[in-house]
Amino acid sequence: MAKDYTLEAFKRLGRGKDWLIKVFNEYYEANTESVEFSKDVDDKGLTAQLTIDGNTIWMRGVDDAITVKYNGQTILDVDSVGRLRIYDGVALEGLIRQEPRLFELLKIPHPDDMALFTSVCSIFDRMSVPAMLRIFKDYAESRGYKDGSRRKKDHAMTYCAFDEFGNGAKGCCYLYRTDAQFDGYEPELMLCLRVWNGQYFIISNGGERFCEVDQSGYIWHWNPKRLRDVINEHKILFDMLGVKE
């Protein structure tokens, strides 16, 4: 059964209650003319509420549990050990579509991006570090890039792909189209996959990280528009890696 990354993201809100208040407050301060914000903190947990154009979003986190209500109706209720008591997926998706900026701040991907997000996060299940390095090397050489690991001067049209610790735990791959990209540490494309003792997958372009996630779906950086642009430019590579919609 495929992992429900939307549900996993909401579960994290119960464990990061102070962050939930911070995000609600940030959203309110950016929209003070149309949004009302209130919070209540007690010994057990906290409640945060936003009223946006007359519609109320209410969330409460208590001992790692999370409850979400929309206009008084409970659409998600997860207990402190992660068991679902109420889960209205259709209503949650509708709420995310209605307030995309709020849920972007809460690190919950938009439904239109979920297929792409799932393919990125599931790379840990289908790809080892040696396999990624081999695929990247074959792709780079097929595009005319040369192995730059032994070059000291000209790094234009070169690539590097290496196992950082030598044990298959973390692999890094770089494409340099120009020598200036190498000198400025702004590769045309960078991939980094760590599969042991802290899992994460990073994709960057020109020094900008626009995709950084872990196996559970936690987001550090996520810009689906930029990711799609790079995937389209290097479609053969990402098809081989299984990162696609």
C-alpha atoms as a PDB file:
ATOM      1  CA  MET A   1       0.000   0.000   0.000  1.00  0.00           C
ATOM      2  CA  ALA A   2       1.407   3.397  -0.984  1.00  0.00           C
ATOM      3  CA  LYS A   3       2.315   5.723   1.865  1.00  0.00           C
ATOM      4  CA  ASP A   4      -0.088   8.615   2.434  1.00  0.00           C
ATOM      5  CA  TYR A   5       2.348  11.521   2.726  1.00  0.00           C
ATOM      6  CA  THR A   6      -0.439  14.007   3.444  1.00  0.00           C
ATOM      7  CA  LEU A   7      -1.474  12.005   6.498  1.00  0.00           C
ATOM      8  CA  GLU A   8       2.146  11.630   7.626  1.00  0.00           C
ATOM      9  CA  ALA A   9       2.617  15.401   7.399  1.00  0.00           C
ATOM     10  CA  PHE A  10      -0.432  16.045   9.572  1.00  0.00           C
ATOM     11  CA  LYS A  11       0.824  13.539  12.152  1.00  0.00           C
ATOM     12  CA  ARG A  12       4.048  15.540  12.402  1.00  0.00           C
ATOM     13  CA  LEU A  13       2.005  18.618  13.287  1.00  0.00           C
ATOM     14  CA  GLY A  14       0.944  16.876  16.501  1.00  0.00           C
ATOM     15  CA  ARG A  15       4.598  16.333  17.398  1.00  0.00           C
ATOM     16  CA  GLY A  16       5.606  19.900  16.485  1.00  0.00           C
ATOM     17  CA  LYS A  17       2.923  21.913  18.222  1.00  0.00           C
ATOM     18  CA  ASP A  18       5.015  25.045  18.824  1.00  0.00           C
ATOM     19  CA  TRP A  19       5.795  25.105  15.115  1.00  0.00           C
ATOM     20  CA  LEU A  20       2.072  24.852  14.325  1.00  0.00           C
ATOM     21  CA  ILE A  21       1.443  28.036  16.330  1.00  0.00           C
ATOM     22  CA  LYS A  22       4.399  29.750  14.627  1.00  0.00           C
ATOM     23  CA  VAL A  23       3.066  28.939  11.146  1.00  0.00           C
ATOM     24  CA  PHE A  24      -0.496  30.021  11.938  1.00  0.00           C
ATOM     25  CA  ASN A  25       0.830  33.289  13.333  1.00  0.00           C
ATOM     26  CA  GLU A  26       3.067  33.853  10.285  1.00  0.00           C
ATOM     27  CA  TYR A  27       0.112  33.282   7.958  1.00  0.00           C
ATOM     28  CA  TYR A  28      -2.011  35.678  10.015  1.00  0.00           C
ATOM     29  CA  GLU A  29       0.627  38.444  10.013  1.00  0.00           C
ATOM     30  CA  ALA A  30       0.857  38.244   6.216  1.00  0.00           C
ATOM     31  CA  ASN A  31      -2.940  38.479   5.851  1.00  0.00           C
ATOM     32  CA  THR A  32      -4.135  40.606   8.769  1.00  0.00           C
ATOM     33  CA  GLU A  33      -6.927  42.281   6.792  1.00  0.00           C
ATOM     34  CA  SER A  34      -8.715  39.040   5.899  1.00  0.00           C
ATOM     35  CA  VAL A  35      -7.630  36.596   8.628  1.00  0.00           C
ATOM     36  CA  GLU A  36      -8.297  36.244  12.361  1.00  0.00           C
ATOM     37  CA  PHE A  37      -5.940  34.208  14.556  1.00  0.00           C
ATOM     38  CA  SER A  38      -6.324  32.838  18.068  1.00  0.00           C
ATOM     39  CA  LYS A  39      -4.458  30.319  20.202  1.00  0.00           C
ATOM     40  CA  ASP A  40      -4.865  28.610  23.549  1.00  0.00           C
ATOM     41  CA  VAL A  41      -2.069  26.804  25.365  1.00  0.00           C
ATOM     42  CA  ASP A  42      -2.652  24.601  28.414  1.00  0.00           C
ATOM     43  CA  ASP A  43      -0.738  21.906  30.323  1.00  0.00           C
ATOM     44  CA  LYS A  44      -1.656  19.189  27.821  1.00  0.00           C
ATOM     45  CA  GLY A  45      -1.269  20.895  24.488  1.00  0.00           C
ATOM     46  CA  LEU A  46      -2.381  23.779  22.378  1.00  0.00           C
ATOM     47  CA  THR A  47      -5.144  24.915  20.078  1.00  0.00           C
ATOM     48  CA  ALA A  48      -4.650  27.180  17.064  1.00  0.00           C
ATOM     49  CA  GLN A  49      -7.458  28.671  15.012  1.00  0.00           C
ATOM     50  CA  LEU A  50      -7.555  30.722  11.835  1.00  0.00           C
ATOM     51  CA  THR A  51     -10.678  32.327  10.411  1.00  0.00           C
ATOM     52  CA  ILE A  52     -10.194  33.071   6.715  1.00  0.00           C
ATOM     53  CA  ASP A  53     -12.995  34.905   4.910  1.00  0.00           C
ATOM     54  CA  GLY A  54     -15.472  33.542   7.450  1.00  0.00           C
ATOM     55  CA  ASN A  55     -14.205  29.935   7.274  1.00  0.00           C
ATOM     56  CA  THR A  56     -12.586  28.479  10.402  1.00  0.00           C
ATOM     57  CA  ILE A  57      -9.588  26.140  10.440  1.00  0.00           C
ATOM     58  CA  TRP A  58      -9.059  24.685  13.919  1.00  0.00           C
ATOM     59  CA  MET A  59      -6.177  22.424  14.945  1.00  0.00           C
ATOM     60  CA  ARG A  60      -5.304  20.997  18.339  1.00  0.00           C
ATOM     61  CA  GLY A  61      -2.163  19.125  19.281  1.00  0.00           C
ATOM     62  CA  VAL A  62      -2.061  17.137  22.536  1.00  0.00           C
ATOM     63  CA  ASP A  63       0.645  14.591  23.463  1.00  0.00           C
ATOM     64  CA  ASP A  64       1.535  13.938  19.797  1.00  0.00           C
ATOM     65  CA  ALA A  65      -2.146  13.675  18.798  1.00  0.00           C
ATOM     66  CA  ILE A  66      -3.616  16.014  16.193  1.00  0.00           C
ATOM     67  CA  THR A  67      -7.211  17.034  15.459  1.00  0.00           C
ATOM     68  CA  VAL A  68      -8.275  19.201  12.526  1.00  0.00           C
ATOM     69  CA  LYS A  69     -11.696  20.812  12.154  1.00  0.00           C
ATOM     70  CA  TYR A  70     -13.056  22.891   9.312  1.00  0.00           C
ATOM     71  CA  ASN A  71     -16.098  25.055  10.088  1.00  0.00           C
ATOM     72  CA  GLY A  72     -16.742  22.921  13.170  1.00  0.00           C
ATOM     73  CA  GLN A  73     -16.590  19.542  11.394  1.00  0.00           C
ATOM     74  CA  THR A  74     -13.790  17.162  12.384  1.00  0.00           C
ATOM     75  CA  ILE A  75     -11.997  16.011   9.233  1.00  0.00           C
ATOM     76  CA  LEU A  76      -8.909  14.470  10.869  1.00  0.00           C
ATOM     77  CA  ASP A  77      -8.331  12.948  14.293  1.00  0.00           C
ATOM     78  CA  VAL A  78      -5.143  10.981  15.031  1.00  0.00           C
ATOM     79  CA  ASP A  79      -4.317   9.720  18.534  1.00  0.00           C
ATOM     80  CA  SER A  80      -0.934   9.942  20.266  1.00  0.00           C
ATOM     81  CA  VAL A  81       0.300   6.602  18.848  1.00  0.00           C
ATOM     82  CA  GLY A  82      -0.674   7.448  15.273  1.00  0.00           C
ATOM     83  CA  ARG A  83      -3.982   5.589  15.056  1.00  0.00           C
ATOM     84  CA  LEU A  84      -6.654   7.148  12.849  1.00  0.00           C
ATOM     85  CA  ARG A  85      -9.973   7.875  14.477  1.00  0.00           C
ATOM     86  CA  ILE A  86     -11.347  10.185  11.758  1.00  0.00           C
ATOM     87  CA  TYR A  87      -9.862  10.817   8.322  1.00  0.00           C
ATOM     88  CA  ASP A  88     -11.846  12.596   5.625  1.00  0.00           C
ATOM     89  CA  GLY A  89      -9.331  12.649   2.794  1.00  0.00           C
ATOM     90  CA  VAL A  90     -11.650  14.437   0.372  1.00  0.00           C
ATOM     91  CA  ALA A  91     -12.313  17.273   2.820  1.00  0.00           C
ATOM     92  CA  LEU A  92      -8.609  17.593   3.659  1.00  0.00           C
ATOM     93  CA  GLU A  93      -7.681  17.793  -0.010  1.00  0.00           C
ATOM     94  CA  GLY A  94     -10.335  20.430  -0.564  1.00  0.00           C
ATOM     95  CA  LEU A  95      -9.002  22.453   2.361  1.00  0.00           C
ATOM     96  CA  ILE A  96      -5.430  22.267   1.054  1.00  0.00           C
ATOM     97  CA  ARG A  97      -6.590  23.412  -2.392  1.00  0.00           C
ATOM     98  CA  GLN A  98      -8.541  26.267  -0.829  1.00  0.00           C
ATOM     99  CA  GLU A  99      -5.619  27.572   1.287  1.00  0.00           C
ATOM    100  CA  PRO A 100      -2.452  26.436  -0.565  1.00  0.00           C
ATOM    101  CA  ARG A 101      -0.114  29.006   1.010  1.00  0.00           C
ATOM    102  CA  LEU A 102      -1.037  27.977   4.560  1.00  0.00           C
ATOM    103  CA  PHE A 103      -0.360  24.306   3.864  1.00  0.00           C
ATOM    104  CA  GLU A 104       2.835  25.133   2.015  1.00  0.00           C
ATOM    105  CA  LEU A 105       4.019  26.767   5.252  1.00  0.00           C
ATOM    106  CA  LEU A 106       2.913  23.638   7.136  1.00  0.00           C
ATOM    107  CA  LYS A 107       5.100  21.556   4.753  1.00  0.00           C
ATOM    108  CA  ILE A 108       2.161  19.667   3.269  1.00  0.00           C
ATOM    109  CA  PRO A 109       2.456  19.251  -0.532  1.00  0.00           C
ATOM    110  CA  HIS A 110      -0.319  20.420  -2.818  1.00  0.00           C
ATOM    111  CA  PRO A 111      -2.484  17.559  -4.184  1.00  0.00           C
ATOM    112  CA  ASP A 112      -1.471  18.458  -7.765  1.00  0.00           C
ATOM    113  CA  ASP A 113       2.162  17.776  -6.829  1.00  0.00           C
ATOM    114  CA  MET A 114       1.575  14.607  -4.822  1.00  0.00           C
ATOM    115  CA  ALA A 115       2.466  12.117  -7.595  1.00  0.00           C
ATOM    116  CA  LEU A 116       5.792  13.857  -8.150  1.00  0.00           C
ATOM    117  CA  PHE A 117       6.403  14.167  -4.400  1.00  0.00           C
ATOM    118  CA  THR A 118       5.689  10.466  -3.889  1.00  0.00           C
ATOM    119  CA  SER A 119       8.117   9.456  -6.640  1.00  0.00           C
ATOM    120  CA  VAL A 120      10.838  11.592  -5.004  1.00  0.00           C
ATOM    121  CA  CYS A 121      10.277  10.219  -1.489  1.00  0.00           C
ATOM    122  CA  SER A 122      10.067   6.594  -2.656  1.00  0.00           C
ATOM    123  CA  ILE A 123      13.577   6.738  -4.163  1.00  0.00           C
ATOM    124  CA  PHE A 124      14.795   5.279  -0.857  1.00  0.00           C
ATOM    125  CA  ASP A 125      12.789   2.110  -1.558  1.00  0.00           C
ATOM    126  CA  ARG A 126      14.025   1.527  -5.097  1.00  0.00           C
ATOM    127  CA  MET A 127      17.518   3.027  -5.357  1.00  0.00           C
ATOM    128  CA  SER A 128      20.844   2.229  -3.706  1.00  0.00           C
ATOM    129  CA  VAL A 129      23.778   4.648  -3.686  1.00  0.00           C
ATOM    130  CA  PRO A 130      25.880   2.470  -6.071  1.00  0.00           C
ATOM    131  CA  ALA A 131      22.925   2.225  -8.479  1.00  0.00           C
ATOM    132  CA  MET A 132      22.393   5.996  -8.479  1.00  0.00           C
ATOM    133  CA  LEU A 133      26.106   6.648  -9.095  1.00  0.00           C
ATOM    134  CA  ARG A 134      26.159   4.173 -11.987  1.00  0.00           C
ATOM    135  CA  ILE A 135      23.035   5.669 -13.587  1.00  0.00           C
ATOM    136  CA  PHE A 136      24.367   9.210 -13.218  1.00  0.00           C
ATOM    137  CA  LYS A 137      27.763   8.308 -14.703  1.00  0.00           C
ATOM    138  CA  ASP A 138      26.179   6.567 -17.701  1.00  0.00           C
ATOM    139  CA  TYR A 139      23.846   9.515 -18.285  1.00  0.00           C
ATOM    140  CA  ALA A 140      26.580  12.154 -17.980  1.00  0.00           C
ATOM    141  CA  GLU A 141      28.908  10.358 -20.386  1.00  0.00           C
ATOM    142  CA  SER A 142      26.071   9.836 -22.864  1.00  0.00           C
ATOM    143  CA  ARG A 143      25.592  13.640 -22.875  1.00  0.00           C
ATOM    144  CA  GLY A 144      29.278  14.312 -23.536  1.00  0.00           C
ATOM    145  CA  TYR A 145      30.410  15.112 -19.991  1.00  0.00           C
ATOM    146  CA  LYS A 146      33.859  13.879 -18.968  1.00  0.00           C
ATOM    147  CA  ASP A 147      34.992  12.522 -15.611  1.00  0.00           C
ATOM    148  CA  GLY A 148      36.272  15.598 -13.758  1.00  0.00           C
ATOM    149  CA  SER A 149      37.602  13.867 -10.640  1.00  0.00           C
ATOM    150  CA  ARG A 150      41.223  14.063 -11.821  1.00  0.00           C
ATOM    151  CA  ARG A 151      41.110  17.443 -13.565  1.00  0.00           C
ATOM    152  CA  LYS A 152      42.923  20.360 -11.939  1.00  0.00           C
ATOM    153  CA  LYS A 153      42.117  23.208 -14.337  1.00  0.00           C
ATOM    154  CA  ASP A 154      39.327  23.044 -16.893  1.00  0.00           C
ATOM    155  CA  HIS A 155      36.095  21.617 -15.447  1.00  0.00           C
ATOM    156  CA  ALA A 156      33.764  22.624 -18.280  1.00  0.00           C
ATOM    157  CA  MET A 157      31.468  19.749 -19.373  1.00  0.00           C
ATOM    158  CA  THR A 158      32.591  17.494 -16.524  1.00  0.00           C
ATOM    159  CA  TYR A 159      30.843  15.353 -13.931  1.00  0.00           C
ATOM    160  CA  CYS A 160      31.684  13.875 -10.539  1.00  0.00           C
ATOM    161  CA  ALA A 161      29.926  10.921  -8.955  1.00  0.00           C
ATOM    162  CA  PHE A 162      31.276   9.386  -5.770  1.00  0.00           C
ATOM    163  CA  ASP A 163      30.474   7.401  -2.641  1.00  0.00           C
ATOM    164  CA  GLU A 164      31.352   9.893   0.099  1.00  0.00           C
ATOM    165  CA  PHE A 165      32.060   7.376   2.870  1.00  0.00           C
ATOM    166  CA  GLY A 166      32.933   4.368   0.718  1.00  0.00           C
ATOM    167  CA  ASN A 167      30.252   2.189   2.310  1.00  0.00           C
ATOM    168  CA  GLY A 168      27.159   2.895   0.190  1.00  0.00           C
ATOM    169  CA  ALA A 169      25.629   5.209   2.807  1.00  0.00           C
ATOM    170  CA  LYS A 170      25.822   8.491   0.885  1.00  0.00           C
ATOM    171  CA  GLY A 171      26.374   9.297  -2.780  1.00  0.00           C
ATOM    172  CA  CYS A 172      26.850  12.682  -4.448  1.00  0.00           C
ATOM    173  CA  CYS A 173      26.665  13.564  -8.144  1.00  0.00           C
ATOM    174  CA  TYR A 174      27.550  16.809  -9.934  1.00  0.00           C
ATOM    175  CA  LEU A 175      27.325  18.142 -13.482  1.00  0.00           C
ATOM    176  CA  TYR A 176      29.364  21.199 -14.492  1.00  0.00           C
ATOM    177  CA  ARG A 177      28.570  22.778 -17.828  1.00  0.00           C
ATOM    178  CA  THR A 178      31.118  25.600 -17.401  1.00  0.00           C
ATOM    179  CA  ASP A 179      34.309  26.158 -15.450  1.00  0.00           C
ATOM    180  CA  ALA A 180      32.648  29.083 -13.637  1.00  0.00           C
ATOM    181  CA  GLN A 181      30.025  26.723 -12.216  1.00  0.00           C
ATOM    182  CA  PHE A 182      32.813  24.627 -10.689  1.00  0.00           C
ATOM    183  CA  ASP A 183      34.675  27.632  -9.286  1.00  0.00           C
ATOM    184  CA  GLY A 184      31.501  29.074  -7.762  1.00  0.00           C
ATOM    185  CA  TYR A 185      30.266  25.703  -6.486  1.00  0.00           C
ATOM    186  CA  GLU A 186      27.042  26.154  -8.443  1.00  0.00           C
ATOM    187  CA  PRO A 187      26.768  22.931 -10.448  1.00  0.00           C
ATOM    188  CA  GLU A 188      24.352  22.601 -13.326  1.00  0.00           C
ATOM    189  CA  LEU A 189      22.865  19.688 -11.417  1.00  0.00           C
ATOM    190  CA  MET A 190      23.550  18.129  -8.028  1.00  0.00           C
ATOM    191  CA  LEU A 191      22.038  14.977  -6.541  1.00  0.00           C
ATOM    192  CA  CYS A 192      22.745  13.692  -3.057  1.00  0.00           C
ATOM    193  CA  LEU A 193      21.262  10.485  -1.655  1.00  0.00           C
ATOM    194  CA  ARG A 194      21.868   9.309   1.906  1.00  0.00           C
ATOM    195  CA  VAL A 195      20.300   5.989   2.829  1.00  0.00           C
ATOM    196  CA  TRP A 196      21.795   5.200   6.232  1.00  0.00           C
ATOM    197  CA  ASN A 197      22.119   7.014   9.581  1.00  0.00           C
ATOM    198  CA  GLY A 198      19.981   9.956   8.479  1.00  0.00           C
ATOM    199  CA  GLN A 199      18.133   9.532   5.195  1.00  0.00           C
ATOM    200  CA  TYR A 200      17.631  12.374   2.748  1.00  0.00           C
ATOM    201  CA  PHE A 201      17.530  13.099  -0.972  1.00  0.00           C
ATOM    202  CA  ILE A 202      18.596  16.469  -2.381  1.00  0.00           C
ATOM    203  CA  ILE A 203      18.309  17.920  -5.890  1.00  0.00           C
ATOM    204  CA  SER A 204      19.781  21.323  -6.676  1.00  0.00           C
ATOM    205  CA  ASN A 205      20.578  23.473  -9.681  1.00  0.00           C
ATOM    206  CA  GLY A 206      22.889  26.480  -9.789  1.00  0.00           C
ATOM    207  CA  GLY A 207      23.485  26.223  -6.047  1.00  0.00           C
ATOM    208  CA  GLU A 208      19.750  26.404  -5.230  1.00  0.00           C
ATOM    209  CA  ARG A 209      18.212  23.501  -3.329  1.00  0.00           C
ATOM    210  CA  PHE A 210      14.638  23.122  -4.531  1.00  0.00           C
ATOM    211  CA  CYS A 211      14.088  19.532  -3.413  1.00  0.00           C
ATOM    212  CA  GLU A 212      15.228  18.118  -0.071  1.00  0.00           C
ATOM    213  CA  VAL A 213      13.156  15.421   1.625  1.00  0.00           C
ATOM    214  CA  ASP A 214      13.577  12.389   3.845  1.00  0.00           C
ATOM    215  CA  GLN A 215      11.995   8.939   3.542  1.00  0.00           C
ATOM    216  CA  SER A 216       9.033   9.883   5.762  1.00  0.00           C
ATOM    217  CA  GLY A 217       8.197  12.830   3.497  1.00  0.00           C
ATOM    218  CA  TYR A 218       9.527  15.579   5.747  1.00  0.00           C
ATOM    219  CA  ILE A 219      10.330  18.652   3.649  1.00  0.00           C
ATOM    220  CA  TRP A 220      13.310  20.959   4.055  1.00  0.00           C
ATOM    221  CA  HIS A 221      13.085  22.409   0.545  1.00  0.00           C
ATOM    222  CA  TRP A 222      10.329  21.874  -2.021  1.00  0.00           C
ATOM    223  CA  ASN A 223       9.767  23.888  -5.194  1.00  0.00           C
ATOM    224  CA  PRO A 224       7.837  21.652  -7.613  1.00  0.00           C
ATOM    225  CA  LYS A 225       7.987  24.168 -10.472  1.00  0.00           C
ATOM    226  CA  ARG A 226      11.796  24.288 -10.395  1.00  0.00           C
ATOM    227  CA  LEU A 227      11.938  20.522  -9.984  1.00  0.00           C
ATOM    228  CA  ARG A 228       9.767  19.966 -13.049  1.00  0.00           C
ATOM    229  CA  ASP A 229      11.980  22.314 -15.078  1.00  0.00           C
ATOM    230  CA  VAL A 230      15.105  20.325 -14.200  1.00  0.00           C
ATOM    231  CA  ILE A 231      13.380  16.969 -14.723  1.00  0.00           C
ATOM    232  CA  ASN A 232      12.313  18.086 -18.202  1.00  0.00           C
ATOM    233  CA  GLU A 233      15.868  19.168 -18.993  1.00  0.00           C
ATOM    234  CA  HIS A 234      17.359  15.861 -17.792  1.00  0.00           C
ATOM    235  CA  LYS A 235      14.362  13.622 -18.490  1.00  0.00           C
ATOM    236  CA  ILE A 236      16.350  10.502 -19.380  1.00  0.00           C
ATOM    237  CA  LEU A 237      18.261  10.671 -16.100  1.00  0.00           C
ATOM    238  CA  PHE A 238      15.199  11.126 -13.923  1.00  0.00           C
ATOM    239  CA  ASP A 239      13.292   8.443 -15.817  1.00  0.00           C
ATOM    240  CA  MET A 240      16.095   6.015 -14.955  1.00  0.00           C
ATOM    241  CA  LEU A 241      15.954   7.163 -11.328  1.00  0.00           C
ATOM    242  CA  GLY A 242      12.180   6.747 -11.283  1.00  0.00           C
ATOM    243  CA  VAL A 243      11.532  10.398 -10.421  1.00  0.00           C
ATOM    244  CA  LYS A 244       8.549  11.375 -12.541  1.00  0.00           C
ATOM    245  CA  GLU A 245       4.811  11.980 -12.431  1.00  0.00           C
END
